């Protein structure tokens, strides 16, 4: 298996948007060369500093049987290129083999503190013995050191093989409500294999803490 890479394109000019040129190629570090680097990508302002960060999921980690990672590349101010990435992993005890951490990523200020938070899906992770039930993690900004674990519960228990965290997103679902309602965005998480049927997906809204 060859190394993966993420490629950034830019239009040549507003008048020629159909013509794109490569402005940056980001290769995965050697330790993640078999880690499905680039399965999820996001370009966003994570730290409120000038320039946007490139966030790349590597749910295969260092190879088959390893836990996944998310790599955060910050712009280094030289020709639009990126510096050495910061690796984010699932907190203990969830940093386990085959957790698929980094399959999906999203960013938003989910707790309303004016700092961007990172949401990461790990559909292969599981609490206890419930294989592939999936977990989703929220890392709170600005330092991303504290986290919240989201689980999918059905009938008082966690759904086995739900792949909860297959896709995640952050948005303002209830922005139409009158002033005084919940001001923070919501987190939407899909359970792609709920009921062990790949064609039966279920999207969930998880209100913030």
N, C-alpha and C. Protein backbone atom coordinates (compact mmCIF):
# COMPACT_ATOMS: atom_id res chain seq x y z
N UNK A 1 0.85 -1.19 0.00
CA UNK A 1 0.00 0.00 0.00
C UNK A 1 0.89 1.24 0.00
N UNK A 2 0.61 2.18 -0.86
CA UNK A 2 1.43 3.38 -0.98
C UNK A 2 0.96 4.44 0.00
N UNK A 3 1.81 5.44 0.19
CA UNK A 3 1.46 6.55 1.05
C UNK A 3 0.35 7.38 0.44
N UNK A 4 -0.43 8.01 1.32
CA UNK A 4 -1.52 8.87 0.88
C UNK A 4 -1.07 10.32 0.93
N UNK A 5 -1.86 11.18 0.31
CA UNK A 5 -1.57 12.60 0.38
C UNK A 5 -2.85 13.39 0.18
N UNK A 6 -2.83 14.62 0.64
CA UNK A 6 -3.94 15.56 0.46
C UNK A 6 -3.45 16.69 -0.43
N UNK A 7 -4.24 17.04 -1.43
CA UNK A 7 -3.84 18.03 -2.43
C UNK A 7 -4.76 19.23 -2.35
N UNK A 8 -4.19 20.43 -2.29
CA UNK A 8 -4.95 21.67 -2.29
C UNK A 8 -4.87 22.32 -3.66
N UNK A 9 -6.03 22.73 -4.17
CA UNK A 9 -6.11 23.40 -5.46
C UNK A 9 -6.54 24.84 -5.27
N UNK A 10 -6.15 25.68 -6.21
CA UNK A 10 -6.57 27.08 -6.21
C UNK A 10 -6.89 27.50 -7.63
N UNK A 11 -7.91 28.34 -7.79
CA UNK A 11 -8.23 28.84 -9.13
C UNK A 11 -7.17 29.84 -9.56
N UNK A 12 -6.89 29.90 -10.86
CA UNK A 12 -5.89 30.82 -11.39
C UNK A 12 -6.33 32.26 -11.25
N UNK A 13 -7.60 32.50 -11.47
CA UNK A 13 -8.16 33.85 -11.36
C UNK A 13 -9.67 33.73 -11.30
N UNK A 14 -10.37 34.76 -10.80
CA UNK A 14 -11.83 34.70 -10.78
C UNK A 14 -12.43 34.51 -12.16
N UNK A 15 -11.75 34.95 -13.20
CA UNK A 15 -12.29 34.84 -14.55
C UNK A 15 -12.09 33.45 -15.15
N UNK A 16 -11.25 32.63 -14.53
CA UNK A 16 -10.97 31.30 -15.09
C UNK A 16 -11.11 30.23 -14.02
N UNK A 17 -12.28 30.17 -13.42
CA UNK A 17 -12.50 29.26 -12.30
C UNK A 17 -12.52 27.81 -12.72
N UNK A 18 -12.63 27.54 -14.00
CA UNK A 18 -12.60 26.15 -14.43
C UNK A 18 -11.17 25.62 -14.50
N UNK A 19 -10.19 26.50 -14.36
CA UNK A 19 -8.79 26.09 -14.40
C UNK A 19 -8.21 26.15 -12.98
N UNK A 20 -7.80 25.01 -12.50
CA UNK A 20 -7.26 24.93 -11.15
C UNK A 20 -5.81 24.49 -11.20
N UNK A 21 -5.06 24.97 -10.26
CA UNK A 21 -3.67 24.56 -10.16
C UNK A 21 -3.39 24.07 -8.74
N UNK A 22 -2.47 23.14 -8.63
CA UNK A 22 -2.08 22.63 -7.32
C UNK A 22 -1.20 23.66 -6.63
N UNK A 23 -1.60 24.05 -5.43
CA UNK A 23 -0.83 25.02 -4.67
C UNK A 23 -0.10 24.39 -3.49
N UNK A 24 -0.52 23.21 -3.08
CA UNK A 24 0.13 22.56 -1.95
C UNK A 24 -0.22 21.07 -1.96
N UNK A 25 0.76 20.23 -1.71
CA UNK A 25 0.55 18.80 -1.53
C UNK A 25 1.03 18.41 -0.15
N UNK A 26 0.15 17.84 0.64
CA UNK A 26 0.47 17.47 2.01
C UNK A 26 0.51 15.95 2.11
N UNK A 27 1.67 15.41 2.35
CA UNK A 27 1.83 13.96 2.50
C UNK A 27 1.76 13.58 3.97
N UNK A 28 1.25 12.39 4.22
CA UNK A 28 1.15 11.96 5.61
C UNK A 28 2.52 11.61 6.17
N UNK A 29 2.72 11.87 7.47
CA UNK A 29 3.99 11.48 8.10
C UNK A 29 4.21 9.98 7.97
N UNK A 30 5.45 9.55 8.03
CA UNK A 30 5.79 8.15 7.84
C UNK A 30 5.06 7.23 8.81
N UNK A 31 4.83 7.70 10.02
CA UNK A 31 4.19 6.82 11.00
C UNK A 31 2.73 6.56 10.65
N UNK A 32 2.16 7.36 9.74
CA UNK A 32 0.78 7.16 9.33
C UNK A 32 0.67 6.76 7.86
N UNK A 33 1.74 6.19 7.31
CA UNK A 33 1.77 5.97 5.86
C UNK A 33 0.76 4.92 5.40
N UNK A 34 0.25 4.08 6.31
CA UNK A 34 -0.77 3.11 5.94
C UNK A 34 -2.08 3.40 6.67
N UNK A 35 -2.28 4.64 7.05
CA UNK A 35 -3.38 4.97 7.95
C UNK A 35 -4.61 5.55 7.31
N UNK A 36 -4.79 5.38 5.99
CA UNK A 36 -5.95 5.95 5.29
C UNK A 36 -5.99 7.46 5.48
N UNK A 37 -4.82 8.05 5.42
CA UNK A 37 -4.66 9.49 5.56
C UNK A 37 -5.46 10.21 4.47
N UNK A 38 -6.34 11.13 4.90
CA UNK A 38 -7.15 11.88 3.95
C UNK A 38 -8.55 11.34 3.77
N UNK A 39 -8.94 10.36 4.58
CA UNK A 39 -10.31 9.86 4.46
C UNK A 39 -11.32 10.96 4.79
N UNK A 40 -10.95 11.87 5.66
CA UNK A 40 -11.75 13.07 5.92
C UNK A 40 -10.81 14.26 5.91
N UNK A 41 -11.27 15.36 5.33
CA UNK A 41 -10.46 16.59 5.29
C UNK A 41 -11.35 17.79 5.55
N UNK A 42 -10.77 18.80 6.14
CA UNK A 42 -11.51 20.03 6.43
C UNK A 42 -10.52 21.18 6.48
N UNK A 43 -10.85 22.27 5.81
CA UNK A 43 -10.05 23.48 5.84
C UNK A 43 -10.88 24.55 6.55
N UNK A 44 -10.44 24.96 7.72
CA UNK A 44 -11.24 25.86 8.54
C UNK A 44 -10.35 26.63 9.51
N UNK A 45 -10.89 27.70 10.07
CA UNK A 45 -10.17 28.49 11.06
C UNK A 45 -10.44 27.89 12.43
N UNK A 46 -9.51 27.11 12.93
CA UNK A 46 -9.70 26.42 14.20
C UNK A 46 -9.24 27.23 15.39
N UNK A 47 -8.19 28.06 15.21
CA UNK A 47 -7.62 28.75 16.37
C UNK A 47 -7.80 30.27 16.34
N UNK A 48 -8.54 30.78 15.36
CA UNK A 48 -8.84 32.21 15.24
C UNK A 48 -7.61 33.04 14.93
N UNK A 49 -6.50 32.41 14.60
CA UNK A 49 -5.31 33.13 14.15
C UNK A 49 -5.36 33.31 12.64
N UNK A 50 -4.56 34.19 12.06
CA UNK A 50 -4.57 34.37 10.61
C UNK A 50 -4.31 33.07 9.87
N UNK A 51 -5.07 32.83 8.83
CA UNK A 51 -4.92 31.61 8.05
C UNK A 51 -5.77 30.48 8.60
N UNK A 52 -6.17 29.58 7.71
CA UNK A 52 -6.99 28.45 8.11
C UNK A 52 -6.15 27.20 8.29
N UNK A 53 -6.58 26.35 9.20
CA UNK A 53 -5.90 25.09 9.45
C UNK A 53 -6.45 24.01 8.51
N UNK A 54 -5.58 23.09 8.16
CA UNK A 54 -5.97 21.91 7.39
C UNK A 54 -6.07 20.74 8.37
N UNK A 55 -7.25 20.15 8.46
CA UNK A 55 -7.48 19.03 9.38
C UNK A 55 -7.71 17.78 8.54
N UNK A 56 -6.92 16.74 8.81
CA UNK A 56 -6.95 15.52 8.01
C UNK A 56 -7.15 14.32 8.92
N UNK A 57 -8.13 13.49 8.58
CA UNK A 57 -8.36 12.27 9.34
C UNK A 57 -7.54 11.11 8.79
N UNK A 58 -6.98 10.32 9.70
CA UNK A 58 -6.25 9.10 9.35
C UNK A 58 -6.80 7.98 10.22
N UNK A 59 -8.00 7.48 9.89
CA UNK A 59 -8.66 6.52 10.77
C UNK A 59 -7.96 5.18 10.89
N UNK A 60 -7.01 4.91 9.99
CA UNK A 60 -6.25 3.67 10.09
C UNK A 60 -5.01 3.79 10.95
N UNK A 61 -4.74 4.99 11.47
CA UNK A 61 -3.58 5.18 12.33
C UNK A 61 -2.28 4.84 11.64
N UNK A 62 -1.50 4.01 12.28
CA UNK A 62 -0.20 3.62 11.74
C UNK A 62 -0.28 2.37 10.87
N UNK A 63 -1.48 1.86 10.67
CA UNK A 63 -1.65 0.67 9.85
C UNK A 63 -2.76 -0.20 10.39
N UNK A 64 -3.00 -1.34 9.76
CA UNK A 64 -4.07 -2.24 10.17
C UNK A 64 -3.92 -2.65 11.63
N UNK A 65 -5.01 -2.52 12.38
CA UNK A 65 -4.98 -2.90 13.78
C UNK A 65 -4.52 -1.81 14.72
N UNK A 66 -4.38 -0.57 14.22
CA UNK A 66 -3.94 0.55 15.05
C UNK A 66 -5.09 1.54 15.24
N UNK A 67 -5.06 2.32 16.32
CA UNK A 67 -6.07 3.37 16.50
C UNK A 67 -5.85 4.52 15.53
N UNK A 68 -6.93 5.23 15.23
CA UNK A 68 -6.87 6.33 14.29
C UNK A 68 -6.41 7.63 14.93
N UNK A 69 -6.10 8.58 14.04
CA UNK A 69 -5.64 9.90 14.47
C UNK A 69 -6.29 10.96 13.59
N UNK A 70 -6.25 12.20 14.09
CA UNK A 70 -6.57 13.38 13.29
C UNK A 70 -5.35 14.28 13.34
N UNK A 71 -4.92 14.75 12.18
CA UNK A 71 -3.73 15.61 12.08
C UNK A 71 -4.16 17.03 11.75
N UNK A 72 -3.66 17.99 12.50
CA UNK A 72 -3.99 19.40 12.32
C UNK A 72 -2.76 20.13 11.82
N UNK A 73 -2.85 20.67 10.61
CA UNK A 73 -1.75 21.42 10.00
C UNK A 73 -2.07 22.91 10.08
N UNK A 74 -1.17 23.69 10.65
CA UNK A 74 -1.34 25.13 10.72
C UNK A 74 -0.50 25.80 9.64
N UNK A 75 -0.99 26.90 9.06
CA UNK A 75 -0.19 27.60 8.04
C UNK A 75 1.07 28.19 8.66
N UNK A 76 2.17 28.06 7.93
CA UNK A 76 3.43 28.59 8.47
C UNK A 76 3.79 29.96 7.90
N UNK A 77 2.91 30.51 7.05
CA UNK A 77 3.13 31.85 6.54
C UNK A 77 4.11 31.94 5.40
N UNK A 78 4.53 30.79 4.87
CA UNK A 78 5.49 30.78 3.76
C UNK A 78 4.81 30.23 2.52
N UNK A 79 4.36 31.12 1.65
CA UNK A 79 3.76 30.69 0.39
C UNK A 79 2.51 29.86 0.55
N UNK A 80 1.79 30.03 1.67
CA UNK A 80 0.57 29.29 1.87
C UNK A 80 0.78 27.84 2.26
N UNK A 81 1.99 27.46 2.64
CA UNK A 81 2.26 26.07 3.00
C UNK A 81 1.96 25.83 4.48
N UNK A 82 2.03 24.55 4.87
CA UNK A 82 1.69 24.17 6.23
C UNK A 82 2.91 23.62 6.95
N UNK A 83 2.90 23.78 8.28
CA UNK A 83 4.00 23.29 9.09
C UNK A 83 3.78 21.86 9.55
N UNK A 84 4.55 21.45 10.54
CA UNK A 84 4.45 20.11 11.11
C UNK A 84 3.11 19.94 11.81
N UNK A 85 2.41 18.84 11.56
CA UNK A 85 1.06 18.70 12.12
C UNK A 85 1.06 18.33 13.59
N UNK A 86 -0.05 18.63 14.24
CA UNK A 86 -0.32 18.18 15.60
C UNK A 86 -1.26 16.98 15.49
N UNK A 87 -0.95 15.91 16.18
CA UNK A 87 -1.77 14.70 16.14
C UNK A 87 -2.75 14.69 17.32
N UNK A 88 -4.03 14.46 17.02
CA UNK A 88 -5.07 14.35 18.04
C UNK A 88 -5.57 12.91 18.04
N UNK A 89 -5.74 12.33 19.20
CA UNK A 89 -6.20 10.96 19.31
C UNK A 89 -7.35 10.87 20.30
N UNK A 90 -8.07 9.77 20.27
CA UNK A 90 -9.15 9.56 21.22
C UNK A 90 -8.58 9.48 22.63
N UNK A 91 -9.25 10.08 23.61
CA UNK A 91 -8.75 10.02 24.98
C UNK A 91 -8.87 8.61 25.55
N UNK A 92 -8.06 8.33 26.55
CA UNK A 92 -8.16 7.04 27.24
C UNK A 92 -9.53 6.93 27.91
N UNK A 93 -10.13 5.74 27.90
CA UNK A 93 -9.62 4.44 27.44
C UNK A 93 -10.03 4.11 25.99
N UNK A 94 -10.32 5.13 25.20
CA UNK A 94 -10.88 4.91 23.86
C UNK A 94 -9.84 4.87 22.75
N UNK A 95 -8.58 5.11 23.08
CA UNK A 95 -7.51 5.04 22.08
C UNK A 95 -7.13 3.57 21.90
N UNK A 96 -7.95 2.86 21.15
CA UNK A 96 -7.83 1.40 21.01
C UNK A 96 -7.69 1.03 19.54
N UNK A 97 -7.14 -0.14 19.25
CA UNK A 97 -6.99 -0.56 17.85
C UNK A 97 -8.32 -0.59 17.10
N UNK A 98 -8.25 -0.19 15.84
CA UNK A 98 -9.40 -0.25 14.92
C UNK A 98 -10.58 0.61 15.36
N UNK A 99 -10.33 1.69 16.10
CA UNK A 99 -11.44 2.54 16.51
C UNK A 99 -11.92 3.45 15.38
N UNK A 100 -11.16 3.53 14.30
CA UNK A 100 -11.52 4.36 13.13
C UNK A 100 -11.71 5.82 13.49
N UNK A 101 -11.01 6.26 14.51
CA UNK A 101 -11.04 7.66 14.93
C UNK A 101 -10.50 8.53 13.79
N UNK A 102 -11.30 9.51 13.37
CA UNK A 102 -10.90 10.37 12.26
C UNK A 102 -11.64 10.07 10.97
N UNK A 103 -12.58 9.12 11.01
CA UNK A 103 -13.39 8.84 9.81
C UNK A 103 -14.17 10.07 9.39
N UNK A 104 -14.61 10.86 10.35
CA UNK A 104 -15.34 12.10 10.04
C UNK A 104 -14.89 13.19 11.00
N UNK A 105 -14.92 14.44 10.52
CA UNK A 105 -14.51 15.58 11.34
C UNK A 105 -15.40 16.78 11.04
N UNK A 106 -15.59 17.62 12.05
CA UNK A 106 -16.34 18.87 11.89
C UNK A 106 -15.82 19.86 12.93
N UNK A 107 -16.06 21.13 12.67
CA UNK A 107 -15.60 22.18 13.58
C UNK A 107 -16.73 23.18 13.79
N UNK A 108 -16.90 23.64 15.01
CA UNK A 108 -17.89 24.66 15.34
C UNK A 108 -17.78 25.01 16.81
N UNK A 109 -18.33 26.13 17.19
CA UNK A 109 -18.30 26.55 18.59
C UNK A 109 -19.53 25.94 19.27
N UNK A 110 -19.41 24.69 19.71
CA UNK A 110 -20.58 23.98 20.21
C UNK A 110 -20.95 24.34 21.64
N UNK A 111 -20.04 24.97 22.39
CA UNK A 111 -20.37 25.33 23.76
C UNK A 111 -20.51 26.83 23.97
N UNK A 112 -20.45 27.60 22.88
CA UNK A 112 -20.74 29.03 22.95
C UNK A 112 -19.73 29.87 23.69
N UNK A 113 -18.45 29.44 23.70
CA UNK A 113 -17.44 30.21 24.43
C UNK A 113 -16.54 31.02 23.50
N UNK A 114 -16.93 31.15 22.22
CA UNK A 114 -16.21 31.92 21.21
C UNK A 114 -14.92 31.24 20.76
N UNK A 115 -14.74 29.96 21.09
CA UNK A 115 -13.61 29.18 20.61
C UNK A 115 -14.13 28.01 19.78
N UNK A 116 -13.45 27.71 18.69
CA UNK A 116 -13.86 26.60 17.85
C UNK A 116 -13.54 25.27 18.53
N UNK A 117 -14.48 24.33 18.40
CA UNK A 117 -14.32 23.00 18.97
C UNK A 117 -14.25 21.98 17.83
N UNK A 118 -13.54 20.89 18.07
CA UNK A 118 -13.33 19.86 17.06
C UNK A 118 -14.18 18.65 17.39
N UNK A 119 -14.97 18.19 16.42
CA UNK A 119 -15.81 17.01 16.58
C UNK A 119 -15.25 15.91 15.69
N UNK A 120 -15.02 14.73 16.26
CA UNK A 120 -14.40 13.62 15.51
C UNK A 120 -15.22 12.35 15.70
N UNK A 121 -15.56 11.71 14.58
CA UNK A 121 -16.25 10.44 14.65
C UNK A 121 -15.30 9.27 14.68
N UNK A 122 -15.63 8.27 15.51
CA UNK A 122 -14.85 7.03 15.61
C UNK A 122 -15.82 5.86 15.53
N UNK A 123 -16.34 5.54 14.35
CA UNK A 123 -17.40 4.54 14.23
C UNK A 123 -16.98 3.12 14.60
N UNK A 124 -15.67 2.87 14.69
CA UNK A 124 -15.22 1.54 15.07
C UNK A 124 -14.99 1.38 16.55
N UNK A 125 -15.06 2.48 17.30
CA UNK A 125 -14.82 2.42 18.74
C UNK A 125 -16.05 1.84 19.44
N UNK A 126 -15.87 1.39 20.64
CA UNK A 126 -16.99 0.78 21.33
C UNK A 126 -16.78 0.82 22.84
N UNK A 127 -17.86 1.05 23.59
CA UNK A 127 -17.80 0.94 25.04
C UNK A 127 -18.08 -0.50 25.45
N UNK A 128 -17.27 -1.07 26.31
CA UNK A 128 -17.49 -2.44 26.74
C UNK A 128 -17.25 -3.43 25.62
N UNK A 129 -18.20 -4.35 25.43
CA UNK A 129 -18.05 -5.42 24.45
C UNK A 129 -18.94 -5.21 23.22
N UNK A 130 -19.49 -4.04 23.06
CA UNK A 130 -20.40 -3.78 21.94
C UNK A 130 -19.59 -3.35 20.73
N UNK A 131 -19.22 -4.30 19.90
CA UNK A 131 -18.33 -4.02 18.78
C UNK A 131 -18.97 -3.11 17.76
N UNK A 132 -18.17 -2.17 17.25
CA UNK A 132 -18.58 -1.26 16.18
C UNK A 132 -19.82 -0.44 16.53
N UNK A 133 -20.08 -0.24 17.81
CA UNK A 133 -21.20 0.64 18.16
C UNK A 133 -20.87 2.08 17.80
N UNK A 134 -19.60 2.45 17.93
CA UNK A 134 -19.16 3.78 17.53
C UNK A 134 -19.28 4.82 18.62
N UNK A 135 -18.36 5.76 18.59
CA UNK A 135 -18.37 6.89 19.51
C UNK A 135 -18.04 8.16 18.73
N UNK A 136 -18.42 9.30 19.29
CA UNK A 136 -18.06 10.59 18.71
C UNK A 136 -17.48 11.45 19.83
N UNK A 137 -16.41 12.17 19.51
CA UNK A 137 -15.69 12.95 20.52
C UNK A 137 -15.75 14.43 20.18
N UNK A 138 -15.92 15.24 21.22
CA UNK A 138 -15.87 16.70 21.09
C UNK A 138 -14.67 17.20 21.88
N UNK A 139 -13.73 17.83 21.18
CA UNK A 139 -12.55 18.42 21.82
C UNK A 139 -12.76 19.92 21.88
N UNK A 140 -12.74 20.47 23.08
CA UNK A 140 -13.10 21.86 23.28
C UNK A 140 -11.90 22.78 23.09
N UNK A 141 -12.13 23.86 22.34
CA UNK A 141 -11.10 24.85 22.12
C UNK A 141 -10.96 25.78 23.31
N UNK A 142 -9.84 26.52 23.35
CA UNK A 142 -8.86 26.64 22.27
C UNK A 142 -7.75 25.60 22.25
N UNK A 143 -7.57 24.83 23.34
CA UNK A 143 -6.41 23.93 23.40
C UNK A 143 -6.75 22.49 23.07
N UNK A 144 -8.04 22.15 22.92
CA UNK A 144 -8.49 20.81 22.52
C UNK A 144 -8.07 19.73 23.51
N UNK A 145 -7.81 20.08 24.75
CA UNK A 145 -7.35 19.09 25.72
C UNK A 145 -8.49 18.41 26.47
N UNK A 146 -9.58 19.12 26.72
CA UNK A 146 -10.72 18.49 27.38
C UNK A 146 -11.70 18.01 26.32
N UNK A 147 -12.41 16.94 26.63
CA UNK A 147 -13.27 16.33 25.62
C UNK A 147 -14.55 15.80 26.22
N UNK A 148 -15.52 15.60 25.34
CA UNK A 148 -16.82 15.02 25.69
C UNK A 148 -17.05 13.84 24.78
N UNK A 149 -17.55 12.73 25.32
CA UNK A 149 -17.81 11.52 24.53
C UNK A 149 -19.31 11.40 24.29
N UNK A 150 -19.69 11.26 23.03
CA UNK A 150 -21.09 11.06 22.66
C UNK A 150 -21.29 9.61 22.26
N UNK A 151 -22.37 9.01 22.77
CA UNK A 151 -22.74 7.64 22.44
C UNK A 151 -24.16 7.62 21.90
N UNK A 152 -24.47 6.55 21.19
CA UNK A 152 -25.85 6.39 20.72
C UNK A 152 -26.54 5.35 21.58
N UNK A 153 -27.60 5.76 22.22
CA UNK A 153 -28.35 4.86 23.08
C UNK A 153 -29.71 4.55 22.47
N UNK A 154 -30.10 3.28 22.54
CA UNK A 154 -31.40 2.86 22.03
C UNK A 154 -31.99 1.85 23.01
N UNK A 155 -33.16 2.17 23.57
CA UNK A 155 -33.80 1.24 24.49
C UNK A 155 -33.01 1.01 25.76
N UNK A 156 -32.29 2.04 26.22
CA UNK A 156 -31.55 1.93 27.46
C UNK A 156 -30.14 1.40 27.30
N UNK A 157 -29.76 1.00 26.09
CA UNK A 157 -28.42 0.48 25.88
C UNK A 157 -27.80 1.07 24.64
N UNK A 158 -26.53 0.80 24.44
CA UNK A 158 -25.82 1.29 23.26
C UNK A 158 -26.02 0.33 22.11
N UNK A 159 -26.35 0.85 20.92
CA UNK A 159 -26.65 0.00 19.77
C UNK A 159 -25.38 -0.63 19.22
N UNK A 160 -25.35 -1.96 19.17
CA UNK A 160 -24.18 -2.65 18.63
C UNK A 160 -24.16 -2.54 17.11
N UNK A 161 -22.95 -2.41 16.55
CA UNK A 161 -22.73 -2.33 15.10
C UNK A 161 -23.43 -1.13 14.47
N UNK A 162 -23.67 -0.08 15.23
CA UNK A 162 -24.37 1.10 14.68
C UNK A 162 -23.45 1.97 13.84
N UNK A 163 -22.14 1.87 14.05
CA UNK A 163 -21.16 2.74 13.39
C UNK A 163 -21.49 4.21 13.65
N UNK A 164 -21.83 4.50 14.88
CA UNK A 164 -22.14 5.87 15.29
C UNK A 164 -20.89 6.73 15.15
N UNK A 165 -20.97 7.80 14.37
CA UNK A 165 -19.82 8.64 14.09
C UNK A 165 -19.31 8.50 12.67
N UNK A 166 -20.07 7.79 11.84
CA UNK A 166 -19.67 7.63 10.44
C UNK A 166 -19.55 8.98 9.75
N UNK A 167 -20.48 9.88 10.04
CA UNK A 167 -20.41 11.26 9.57
C UNK A 167 -20.83 12.18 10.70
N UNK A 168 -20.19 13.35 10.79
CA UNK A 168 -20.54 14.33 11.80
C UNK A 168 -20.61 15.71 11.15
N UNK A 169 -21.39 16.58 11.76
CA UNK A 169 -21.45 17.97 11.30
C UNK A 169 -21.91 18.83 12.45
N UNK A 170 -21.65 20.12 12.34
CA UNK A 170 -22.04 21.10 13.35
C UNK A 170 -22.79 22.21 12.65
N UNK A 171 -23.95 22.58 13.18
CA UNK A 171 -24.73 23.64 12.56
C UNK A 171 -25.79 24.17 13.50
N UNK A 172 -26.41 25.26 13.09
CA UNK A 172 -27.44 25.90 13.90
C UNK A 172 -28.81 25.41 13.44
N UNK A 173 -29.30 24.37 14.07
CA UNK A 173 -30.57 23.78 13.69
C UNK A 173 -31.75 24.64 14.13
N UNK A 174 -31.65 25.23 15.32
CA UNK A 174 -32.78 25.96 15.88
C UNK A 174 -32.62 27.47 15.80
N UNK A 175 -31.93 27.96 14.77
CA UNK A 175 -31.72 29.40 14.64
C UNK A 175 -33.02 30.17 14.39
N UNK A 176 -34.07 29.45 13.98
CA UNK A 176 -35.36 30.10 13.71
C UNK A 176 -36.16 30.37 14.98
N UNK A 177 -35.69 29.85 16.13
CA UNK A 177 -36.43 30.02 17.36
C UNK A 177 -36.35 31.46 17.85
N UNK A 178 -37.29 31.88 18.67
CA UNK A 178 -37.27 33.25 19.20
C UNK A 178 -36.02 33.52 20.02
N UNK A 179 -35.70 34.79 20.19
CA UNK A 179 -34.56 35.18 21.00
C UNK A 179 -34.73 34.62 22.41
N UNK A 180 -33.66 34.09 22.94
CA UNK A 180 -33.72 33.47 24.25
C UNK A 180 -33.63 31.96 24.18
N UNK A 181 -33.65 31.41 22.98
CA UNK A 181 -33.50 29.97 22.81
C UNK A 181 -32.04 29.57 22.92
N UNK A 182 -31.75 28.32 22.56
CA UNK A 182 -30.39 27.80 22.64
C UNK A 182 -29.50 28.53 21.63
N UNK A 183 -28.48 29.28 22.09
CA UNK A 183 -27.65 30.06 21.17
C UNK A 183 -26.53 29.26 20.52
N UNK A 184 -26.24 28.07 21.04
CA UNK A 184 -25.08 27.30 20.56
C UNK A 184 -25.49 26.37 19.43
N UNK A 185 -24.58 26.06 18.52
CA UNK A 185 -24.88 25.11 17.44
C UNK A 185 -25.13 23.71 17.98
N UNK A 186 -25.69 22.87 17.14
CA UNK A 186 -25.93 21.48 17.47
C UNK A 186 -24.94 20.58 16.72
N UNK A 187 -24.78 19.37 17.23
CA UNK A 187 -23.93 18.37 16.60
C UNK A 187 -24.84 17.31 16.00
N UNK A 188 -24.63 17.01 14.73
CA UNK A 188 -25.39 15.96 14.07
C UNK A 188 -24.45 14.80 13.78
N UNK A 189 -24.86 13.60 14.19
CA UNK A 189 -24.04 12.41 14.03
C UNK A 189 -24.87 11.33 13.35
N UNK A 190 -24.28 10.67 12.37
CA UNK A 190 -25.00 9.57 11.72
C UNK A 190 -24.55 8.22 12.28
N UNK A 191 -25.53 7.31 12.42
CA UNK A 191 -25.27 5.93 12.80
C UNK A 191 -25.52 5.10 11.55
N UNK A 192 -24.49 4.92 10.74
CA UNK A 192 -24.65 4.44 9.38
C UNK A 192 -25.12 3.00 9.30
N UNK A 193 -24.81 2.19 10.31
CA UNK A 193 -25.21 0.79 10.25
C UNK A 193 -26.12 0.42 11.42
N UNK A 194 -26.96 1.34 11.79
CA UNK A 194 -27.91 1.06 12.87
C UNK A 194 -28.78 -0.13 12.48
N UNK A 195 -29.06 -0.99 13.45
CA UNK A 195 -29.84 -2.23 13.24
C UNK A 195 -29.10 -3.21 12.35
N UNK A 196 -27.76 -3.05 12.24
CA UNK A 196 -26.92 -3.96 11.45
C UNK A 196 -27.30 -4.00 9.98
N UNK A 197 -28.01 -3.00 9.51
CA UNK A 197 -28.39 -2.94 8.09
C UNK A 197 -27.73 -1.73 7.47
N UNK A 198 -26.77 -1.91 6.55
CA UNK A 198 -26.04 -0.77 5.98
C UNK A 198 -26.95 0.26 5.34
N UNK A 199 -28.10 -0.16 4.84
CA UNK A 199 -28.96 0.79 4.15
C UNK A 199 -29.84 1.58 5.12
N UNK A 200 -29.81 1.22 6.39
CA UNK A 200 -30.64 1.92 7.37
C UNK A 200 -29.76 2.85 8.18
N UNK A 201 -29.80 4.11 7.85
CA UNK A 201 -29.01 5.10 8.58
C UNK A 201 -29.91 5.89 9.51
N UNK A 202 -29.30 6.50 10.47
CA UNK A 202 -30.08 7.31 11.40
C UNK A 202 -29.24 8.50 11.81
N UNK A 203 -29.77 9.70 11.63
CA UNK A 203 -29.08 10.92 12.03
C UNK A 203 -29.62 11.40 13.35
N UNK A 204 -28.75 11.83 14.20
CA UNK A 204 -29.14 12.24 15.55
C UNK A 204 -28.70 13.67 15.81
N UNK A 205 -29.50 14.37 16.53
CA UNK A 205 -29.13 15.72 16.98
C UNK A 205 -28.76 15.63 18.45
N UNK A 206 -27.58 16.06 18.76
CA UNK A 206 -27.13 16.06 20.15
C UNK A 206 -26.95 17.51 20.58
N UNK A 207 -27.81 17.97 21.48
CA UNK A 207 -27.67 19.34 21.96
C UNK A 207 -26.41 19.45 22.80
N UNK A 208 -25.83 20.62 22.78
CA UNK A 208 -24.56 20.81 23.46
C UNK A 208 -24.76 20.87 24.97
N UNK A 209 -23.64 20.73 25.67
CA UNK A 209 -23.70 20.69 27.13
C UNK A 209 -24.14 22.03 27.69
